[in-house]
C-alpha atoms as a PDB file:
ATOM      1  CA  MET A   1     -16.939 -14.188 -13.751  1.00  0.00           C
ATOM      2  CA  ASN A   2     -16.835 -10.105 -13.948  1.00  0.00           C
ATOM      3  CA  ALA A   3     -13.244  -8.949 -14.168  1.00  0.00           C
ATOM      4  CA  SER A   4     -14.333  -5.686 -12.802  1.00  0.00           C
ATOM      5  CA  ILE A   5     -15.623  -7.433  -9.372  1.00  0.00           C
ATOM      6  CA  LEU A   6     -12.576  -9.232  -9.318  1.00  0.00           C
ATOM      7  CA  ARG A   7     -10.344  -6.416  -9.482  1.00  0.00           C
ATOM      8  CA  GLN A   8     -12.408  -4.731  -6.882  1.00  0.00           C
ATOM      9  CA  LEU A   9     -11.882  -7.994  -4.551  1.00  0.00           C
ATOM     10  CA  TRP A  10      -8.559  -8.143  -4.983  1.00  0.00           C
ATOM     11  CA  PHE A  11      -8.399  -4.267  -4.322  1.00  0.00           C
ATOM     12  CA  SER A  12     -10.149  -4.669  -1.157  1.00  0.00           C
ATOM     13  CA  VAL A  13      -8.064  -7.455  -0.099  1.00  0.00           C
ATOM     14  CA  GLU A  14      -4.745  -4.972  -0.294  1.00  0.00           C
ATOM     15  CA  GLN A  15      -6.499  -2.150   1.216  1.00  0.00           C
ATOM     16  CA  THR A  16      -7.622  -4.055   4.243  1.00  0.00           C
ATOM     17  CA  GLN A  17      -5.253  -3.968   6.953  1.00  0.00           C
ATOM     18  CA  ALA A  18      -3.117  -7.191   6.988  1.00  0.00           C
ATOM     19  CA  THR A  19      -3.916  -7.904  10.952  1.00  0.00           C
ATOM     20  CA  THR A  20      -7.280  -7.457   9.934  1.00  0.00           C
ATOM     21  CA  LEU A  21      -7.169 -10.046   7.588  1.00  0.00           C
ATOM     22  CA  LEU A  22      -5.357 -12.499   9.583  1.00  0.00           C
ATOM     23  CA  GLU A  23      -7.782 -11.966  12.636  1.00  0.00           C
ATOM     24  CA  LEU A  24     -10.850 -12.861  11.313  1.00  0.00           C
ATOM     25  CA  SER A  25     -12.174 -16.216  11.270  1.00  0.00           C
ATOM     26  CA  ASP A  26     -12.534 -17.487   7.453  1.00  0.00           C
ATOM     27  CA  THR A  27     -16.118 -17.348   7.683  1.00  0.00           C
ATOM     28  CA  ASP A  28     -16.234 -13.638   8.935  1.00  0.00           C
ATOM     29  CA  LEU A  29     -13.474 -12.602   6.306  1.00  0.00           C
ATOM     30  CA  VAL A  30     -15.445 -14.224   3.640  1.00  0.00           C
ATOM     31  CA  THR A  31     -18.444 -12.137   4.820  1.00  0.00           C
ATOM     32  CA  ARG A  32     -16.739  -8.822   4.954  1.00  0.00           C
ATOM     33  CA  LEU A  33     -15.048  -9.304   1.551  1.00  0.00           C
ATOM     34  CA  VAL A  34     -18.722 -10.127  -0.155  1.00  0.00           C
ATOM     35  CA  GLN A  35     -20.481  -7.404   1.768  1.00  0.00           C
ATOM     36  CA  GLN A  36     -17.654  -4.813   0.718  1.00  0.00           C
ATOM     37  CA  LEU A  37     -17.975  -5.989  -3.087  1.00  0.00           C
ATOM     38  CA  GLY A  38     -21.842  -5.934  -2.807  1.00  0.00           C
ATOM     39  CA  LYS A  39     -22.055  -2.310  -1.796  1.00  0.00           C
ATOM     40  CA  LYS A  40     -20.108  -1.413  -5.296  1.00  0.00           C
ATOM     41  CA  HIS A  41     -21.835  -4.041  -6.925  1.00  0.00           C
ATOM     42  CA  PRO A  42     -25.249  -5.440  -5.811  1.00  0.00           C
ATOM     43  CA  PHE A  43     -25.439  -9.061  -6.340  1.00  0.00           C
ATOM     44  CA  SER A  44     -28.483 -11.605  -7.020  1.00  0.00           C
ATOM     45  CA  ARG A  45     -28.397 -14.141  -4.608  1.00  0.00           C
ATOM     46  CA  GLU A  46     -26.568 -16.456  -7.120  1.00  0.00           C
ATOM     47  CA  GLU A  47     -23.865 -14.222  -7.508  1.00  0.00           C
ATOM     48  CA  GLU A  48     -23.562 -13.836  -3.919  1.00  0.00           C
ATOM     49  CA  THR A  49     -23.047 -17.145  -3.614  1.00  0.00           C
ATOM     50  CA  PHE A  50     -20.722 -17.559  -6.450  1.00  0.00           C
ATOM     51  CA  TRP A  51     -18.367 -15.204  -4.886  1.00  0.00           C
ATOM     52  CA  ASP A  52     -18.911 -16.445  -1.282  1.00  0.00           C
ATOM     53  CA  ARG A  53     -17.615 -19.574  -2.669  1.00  0.00           C
ATOM     54  CA  TYR A  54     -14.505 -18.300  -4.880  1.00  0.00           C
ATOM     55  CA  ILE A  55     -13.523 -15.985  -1.793  1.00  0.00           C
ATOM     56  CA  ARG A  56     -13.702 -19.098   0.648  1.00  0.00           C
ATOM     57  CA  SER A  57     -11.458 -21.065  -1.798  1.00  0.00           C
ATOM     58  CA  LYS A  58      -8.920 -18.143  -2.060  1.00  0.00           C
ATOM     59  CA  THR A  59      -8.678 -17.520   2.126  1.00  0.00           C
ATOM     60  CA  PRO A  60      -5.380 -19.584   2.012  1.00  0.00           C
ATOM     61  CA  LEU A  61      -4.064 -17.233  -0.271  1.00  0.00           C
ATOM     62  CA  ILE A  62      -5.278 -13.903   1.188  1.00  0.00           C
ATOM     63  CA  ARG A  63      -3.895 -14.884   4.705  1.00  0.00           C
ATOM     64  CA  ASP A  64      -0.449 -15.665   2.924  1.00  0.00           C
ATOM     65  CA  LEU A  65      -0.517 -12.611   1.300  1.00  0.00           C
ATOM     66  CA  ALA A  66      -1.387 -10.764   4.498  1.00  0.00           C
ATOM     67  CA  GLU A  67       1.801 -12.348   6.052  1.00  0.00           C
ATOM     68  CA  ALA A  68       3.888 -11.529   3.427  1.00  0.00           C
ATOM     69  CA  ARG A  69       2.715  -7.689   4.221  1.00  0.00           C
ATOM     70  CA  LEU A  70       3.475  -8.120   7.989  1.00  0.00           C
ATOM     71  CA  SER A  71       7.094  -9.215   6.928  1.00  0.00           C
END
């Protein structure tokens, strides 16, 4: 796991409007975040799959953070 990409992921989560994070389906949320990361760090197919799975496993946390920002 690349620490730079990991930081960029969580920065992207923080920069995305909370309502957007909550409105997107899980699939759309994961796709959007993987695409955002891929713009700055082009991925191999294997890396893209890794980040897709990682983000998918973190969707409940991402949604919890977005809900907290709305409170």
